[in-house]
């Protein structure tokens, strides 16, 4: 999976994909490879997950990304809020927050909002990486202007070849060079067959089209990486994926794998 900031998320041009989150005293695999700087005003729904107690203050405690799907709701990767990453159950993390409206993690701008509750998809499979999503409930609301619409099943934004963008503060080179300012990389939605061939089943995970979506460049170069886990994949103005996992960062033949947001939409309609 793309691991949490290990130290953090970044945009780069070639590396290795795995569940992406940031480094606790633990490992991380999410970076934005082949990307460019962007202002948070261009993606106000992108937030950083933060715990200074767990990850230190050099990156304001950032270890994963998240997406605002309601004034008090943030969607992120399930592996980002697992005890393996946090070092304890999320309800025991008293300084767990989301950072919103902040381009530079150290700028002091924007808001840091405490987490009131965390719900993890009960169908999440840490072996295959299927169902990799969780919902964070905030202690206070963000404006409606920060909310992005989620794509449902059958949305044309999922069509192979569709231009998309991934956002995060993760590794930008795949070698531990984490970004302090938000970055974005342009990618394309790839066919399920591409990821099925790349990930037929291994220690990295197994590609399952029902709960995952494939994106990147066939030749490699643009991708998410360590520290980008849980961050948004956006196409045609809608949230279609969450940074989840892969093999390396930006490598040819190993595209990024994202949680298919339409799967989360379906599950949230019946599970919460």
Protein backbone atom coordinates (compact mmCIF):
# COMPACT_ATOMS: atom_id res chain seq x y z
CA UNK A 1 0.00 0.00 0.00
CA UNK A 2 1.08 3.59 -0.28
CA UNK A 3 2.43 4.17 3.15
CA UNK A 4 1.94 7.17 5.39
CA UNK A 5 4.51 9.87 5.58
CA UNK A 6 7.46 8.00 6.40
CA UNK A 7 8.20 10.89 6.52
CA UNK A 8 5.45 12.16 4.08
CA UNK A 9 3.51 12.43 0.74
CA UNK A 10 5.10 13.93 -2.32
CA UNK A 11 4.92 14.23 -6.10
CA UNK A 12 7.74 12.73 -8.12
CA UNK A 13 8.58 11.20 -11.45
CA UNK A 14 9.72 7.70 -10.69
CA UNK A 15 9.51 5.43 -7.66
CA UNK A 16 7.72 2.48 -6.13
CA UNK A 17 4.07 2.15 -5.12
CA UNK A 18 2.64 0.60 -2.00
CA UNK A 19 -0.14 1.61 0.37
CA UNK A 20 0.60 5.28 0.84
CA UNK A 21 0.73 7.01 4.16
CA UNK A 22 3.41 8.90 6.02
CA UNK A 23 6.09 7.71 8.30
CA UNK A 24 5.34 7.18 11.80
CA UNK A 25 8.28 5.78 13.29
CA UNK A 26 7.10 3.40 10.63
CA UNK A 27 7.40 3.08 6.88
CA UNK A 28 5.54 4.93 4.17
CA UNK A 29 4.98 4.67 0.42
CA UNK A 30 3.05 7.57 -1.04
CA UNK A 31 4.56 10.29 -3.13
CA UNK A 32 3.50 12.46 -5.97
CA UNK A 33 5.93 11.74 -8.74
CA UNK A 34 6.30 13.96 -11.80
CA UNK A 35 4.15 16.64 -10.23
CA UNK A 36 4.05 20.41 -9.79
CA UNK A 37 3.17 22.83 -6.97
CA UNK A 38 -0.46 23.91 -6.58
CA UNK A 39 -2.26 26.25 -4.22
CA UNK A 40 -4.83 24.76 -1.86
CA UNK A 41 -7.38 27.15 -3.39
CA UNK A 42 -7.25 24.96 -6.51
CA UNK A 43 -8.27 21.90 -4.47
CA UNK A 44 -9.91 23.11 -1.23
CA UNK A 45 -11.23 19.61 -0.59
CA UNK A 46 -7.68 18.24 -0.10
CA UNK A 47 -6.67 17.95 3.57
CA UNK A 48 -3.73 16.52 5.49
CA UNK A 49 -4.06 14.04 8.34
CA UNK A 50 -1.86 15.05 11.25
CA UNK A 51 -0.55 13.68 14.54
CA UNK A 52 2.46 15.50 15.94
CA UNK A 53 2.65 13.08 18.85
CA UNK A 54 3.15 10.20 16.42
CA UNK A 55 4.96 11.78 13.45
CA UNK A 56 6.70 14.82 14.93
CA UNK A 57 6.43 18.48 14.05
CA UNK A 58 8.77 18.87 11.07
CA UNK A 59 5.82 18.37 8.71
CA UNK A 60 3.14 19.58 11.11
CA UNK A 61 2.51 15.93 11.90
CA UNK A 62 1.28 15.15 8.36
CA UNK A 63 1.27 11.46 7.49
CA UNK A 64 -1.59 10.92 5.00
CA UNK A 65 -4.08 12.81 2.89
CA UNK A 66 -7.86 13.03 2.95
CA UNK A 67 -10.77 14.50 1.00
CA UNK A 68 -13.67 16.59 2.28
CA UNK A 69 -16.95 14.91 1.23
CA UNK A 70 -19.20 16.79 3.64
CA UNK A 71 -18.82 19.78 6.00
CA UNK A 72 -17.84 17.44 8.84
CA UNK A 73 -16.79 14.35 6.84
CA UNK A 74 -13.38 13.44 5.42
CA UNK A 75 -12.78 10.35 3.29
CA UNK A 76 -9.35 8.73 3.56
CA UNK A 77 -7.65 5.36 3.13
CA UNK A 78 -8.46 2.73 5.74
CA UNK A 79 -4.80 1.84 6.10
CA UNK A 80 -4.03 5.44 7.11
CA UNK A 81 -6.02 5.11 10.33
CA UNK A 82 -4.99 1.56 11.15
CA UNK A 83 -3.18 0.79 14.43
CA UNK A 84 -0.20 -0.29 12.31
CA UNK A 85 0.22 3.28 11.08
CA UNK A 86 -1.03 5.19 14.11
CA UNK A 87 0.62 2.95 16.66
CA UNK A 88 -2.68 2.65 18.54
CA UNK A 89 -6.43 2.54 17.83
CA UNK A 90 -7.58 5.85 16.35
CA UNK A 91 -9.83 6.55 19.36
CA UNK A 92 -6.71 6.65 21.53
CA UNK A 93 -5.00 9.26 19.33
CA UNK A 94 -5.94 12.39 21.23
CA UNK A 95 -4.05 14.77 18.94
CA UNK A 96 -5.35 13.34 15.63
CA UNK A 97 -6.43 16.26 13.42
CA UNK A 98 -7.01 17.27 9.84
CA UNK A 99 -5.29 20.32 8.39
CA UNK A 100 -7.47 22.23 5.92
CA UNK A 101 -6.98 25.32 3.73
CA UNK A 102 -3.19 25.13 4.01
CA UNK A 103 -0.82 24.88 1.04
CA UNK A 104 2.45 24.90 3.01
CA UNK A 105 2.29 22.54 5.97
CA UNK A 106 4.41 24.88 8.11
CA UNK A 107 2.69 28.15 7.19
CA UNK A 108 0.23 28.24 10.07
CA UNK A 109 -2.57 29.24 7.70
CA UNK A 110 -5.87 27.44 7.43
CA UNK A 111 -7.44 25.32 10.15
CA UNK A 112 -6.46 22.36 12.27
CA UNK A 113 -9.62 20.52 13.28
CA UNK A 114 -9.70 17.69 15.84
CA UNK A 115 -11.13 14.34 14.82
CA UNK A 116 -14.32 13.40 16.67
CA UNK A 117 -14.80 9.91 15.28
CA UNK A 118 -13.31 7.44 12.78
CA UNK A 119 -15.24 4.75 10.88
CA UNK A 120 -13.30 2.12 8.94
CA UNK A 121 -14.90 0.10 6.16
CA UNK A 122 -15.56 -3.29 7.79
CA UNK A 123 -14.94 -4.96 4.41
CA UNK A 124 -11.38 -3.59 4.15
CA UNK A 125 -8.92 -6.39 3.34
CA UNK A 126 -5.34 -5.49 4.27
CA UNK A 127 -4.00 -8.42 2.22
CA UNK A 128 -5.56 -7.59 -1.15
CA UNK A 129 -6.05 -3.86 -0.29
CA UNK A 130 -9.71 -4.09 -1.34
CA UNK A 131 -12.15 -1.64 0.25
CA UNK A 132 -9.40 0.71 1.40
CA UNK A 133 -11.46 3.60 2.75
CA UNK A 134 -12.48 5.16 6.05
CA UNK A 135 -14.55 8.17 7.10
CA UNK A 136 -13.37 10.73 9.62
CA UNK A 137 -15.94 12.89 11.42
CA UNK A 138 -14.68 16.35 12.36
CA UNK A 139 -15.29 18.16 15.63
CA UNK A 140 -16.29 21.33 13.73
CA UNK A 141 -17.47 21.94 10.16
CA UNK A 142 -15.72 23.20 7.07
CA UNK A 143 -17.56 25.39 4.52
CA UNK A 144 -19.63 23.75 1.81
CA UNK A 145 -17.21 25.24 -0.72
CA UNK A 146 -14.59 22.76 0.53
CA UNK A 147 -16.74 19.74 -0.35
CA UNK A 148 -16.15 17.77 -3.56
CA UNK A 149 -18.77 15.57 -5.24
CA UNK A 150 -18.07 11.84 -5.29
CA UNK A 151 -18.42 9.83 -8.49
CA UNK A 152 -21.01 7.05 -8.47
CA UNK A 153 -20.91 3.75 -10.33
CA UNK A 154 -21.06 4.22 -14.09
CA UNK A 155 -19.73 7.79 -13.96
CA UNK A 156 -18.03 8.63 -17.30
CA UNK A 157 -15.03 9.96 -15.37
CA UNK A 158 -13.99 6.32 -14.89
CA UNK A 159 -13.58 5.75 -18.63
CA UNK A 160 -10.04 4.69 -19.65
CA UNK A 161 -8.08 7.60 -21.07
CA UNK A 162 -9.84 10.22 -18.92
CA UNK A 163 -7.48 12.95 -17.71
CA UNK A 164 -7.19 13.04 -13.92
CA UNK A 165 -5.08 14.64 -11.20
CA UNK A 166 -3.74 13.35 -7.90
CA UNK A 167 -2.87 15.63 -4.98
CA UNK A 168 -0.65 15.28 -1.92
CA UNK A 169 2.29 16.28 0.24
CA UNK A 170 4.18 13.02 -0.23
CA UNK A 171 7.54 11.90 -1.55
CA UNK A 172 8.39 13.63 -4.80
CA UNK A 173 11.21 11.37 -5.96
CA UNK A 174 10.54 8.01 -4.34
CA UNK A 175 13.69 8.42 -2.26
CA UNK A 176 12.29 10.20 0.80
CA UNK A 177 12.16 13.79 -0.49
CA UNK A 178 8.85 14.85 1.01
CA UNK A 179 7.10 18.03 -0.03
CA UNK A 180 6.15 20.74 2.46
CA UNK A 181 3.79 22.38 -0.03
CA UNK A 182 0.89 20.74 -1.83
CA UNK A 183 1.65 19.18 -5.19
CA UNK A 184 -0.36 17.64 -7.99
CA UNK A 185 0.43 15.26 -10.83
CA UNK A 186 -1.51 14.72 -14.06
CA UNK A 187 -2.37 11.10 -14.79
CA UNK A 188 -4.82 9.14 -16.93
CA UNK A 189 -7.41 6.62 -15.93
CA UNK A 190 -6.17 3.26 -17.24
CA UNK A 191 -8.16 0.19 -18.17
CA UNK A 192 -8.75 -2.46 -15.55
CA UNK A 193 -6.90 -4.96 -17.73
CA UNK A 194 -3.68 -2.94 -17.35
CA UNK A 195 -3.77 -3.24 -13.56
CA UNK A 196 -4.98 -6.83 -13.63
CA UNK A 197 -1.85 -7.73 -15.60
CA UNK A 198 0.38 -5.63 -13.33
CA UNK A 199 -1.10 -6.92 -10.06
CA UNK A 200 -2.50 -10.45 -10.52
CA UNK A 201 -1.77 -11.20 -6.87
CA UNK A 202 1.39 -10.74 -4.82
CA UNK A 203 2.61 -9.44 -1.46
CA UNK A 204 1.81 -5.91 -2.72
CA UNK A 205 -1.86 -6.72 -3.27
CA UNK A 206 -4.35 -7.95 -5.84
CA UNK A 207 -6.11 -5.64 -8.29
CA UNK A 208 -9.90 -5.91 -8.01
CA UNK A 209 -11.87 -3.75 -10.42
CA UNK A 210 -14.97 -3.67 -8.24
CA UNK A 211 -13.23 -1.70 -5.49
CA UNK A 212 -10.16 -0.23 -7.22
CA UNK A 213 -9.33 2.05 -10.13
CA UNK A 214 -6.05 2.17 -12.05
CA UNK A 215 -4.37 5.46 -13.01
CA UNK A 216 -1.00 6.75 -14.13
CA UNK A 217 1.03 6.52 -17.31
CA UNK A 218 1.75 3.24 -19.06
CA UNK A 219 5.37 4.31 -19.50
CA UNK A 220 5.59 5.49 -15.89
CA UNK A 221 6.72 8.91 -14.67
CA UNK A 222 3.63 10.39 -12.98
CA UNK A 223 2.31 8.77 -9.84
CA UNK A 224 1.49 9.07 -6.16
CA UNK A 225 4.00 7.87 -3.58
CA UNK A 226 4.77 7.58 0.14
CA UNK A 227 2.80 10.02 2.23
CA UNK A 228 0.09 10.52 -0.41
CA UNK A 229 -2.18 7.74 0.84
CA UNK A 230 -5.80 8.73 1.28
CA UNK A 231 -5.40 11.75 -0.98
CA UNK A 232 -7.71 12.53 -3.90
CA UNK A 233 -7.75 11.37 -7.52
CA UNK A 234 -10.01 13.82 -9.34
CA UNK A 235 -11.43 13.68 -12.86
CA UNK A 236 -14.01 15.90 -14.54
CA UNK A 237 -14.55 17.78 -11.30
CA UNK A 238 -15.44 14.69 -9.29
CA UNK A 239 -13.63 12.52 -6.77
CA UNK A 240 -13.06 9.13 -8.40
CA UNK A 241 -10.29 7.62 -6.27
CA UNK A 242 -8.17 7.69 -3.12
CA UNK A 243 -4.44 7.01 -3.20
CA UNK A 244 -4.14 3.44 -1.99
CA UNK A 245 -1.27 1.22 -3.17
CA UNK A 246 1.06 0.08 -5.92
CA UNK A 247 4.55 -1.26 -6.57
CA UNK A 248 7.15 1.45 -6.55
CA UNK A 249 6.43 5.05 -7.57
CA UNK A 250 6.13 6.11 -11.21
CA UNK A 251 7.63 2.91 -12.57
CA UNK A 252 6.74 1.64 -16.04
CA UNK A 253 4.40 -1.30 -15.87
CA UNK A 254 3.39 -0.59 -12.26
CA UNK A 255 0.60 2.02 -12.33
CA UNK A 256 -0.94 3.48 -9.22
CA UNK A 257 -3.94 1.75 -7.69
CA UNK A 258 -6.66 3.85 -6.09
CA UNK A 259 -9.70 3.04 -4.01
CA UNK A 260 -12.69 3.26 -6.36
CA UNK A 261 -14.83 5.98 -4.78
CA UNK A 262 -18.03 4.62 -6.33
CA UNK A 263 -17.49 1.53 -4.15
CA UNK A 264 -17.30 3.77 -1.09
CA UNK A 265 -20.44 5.65 -2.17
CA UNK A 266 -22.33 2.36 -2.39
CA UNK A 267 -21.03 1.13 0.95
CA UNK A 268 -21.66 4.39 2.79
CA UNK A 269 -25.23 4.44 1.54
CA UNK A 270 -25.93 1.25 3.46
CA UNK A 271 -23.29 0.96 6.20
CA UNK A 272 -23.41 4.23 8.10
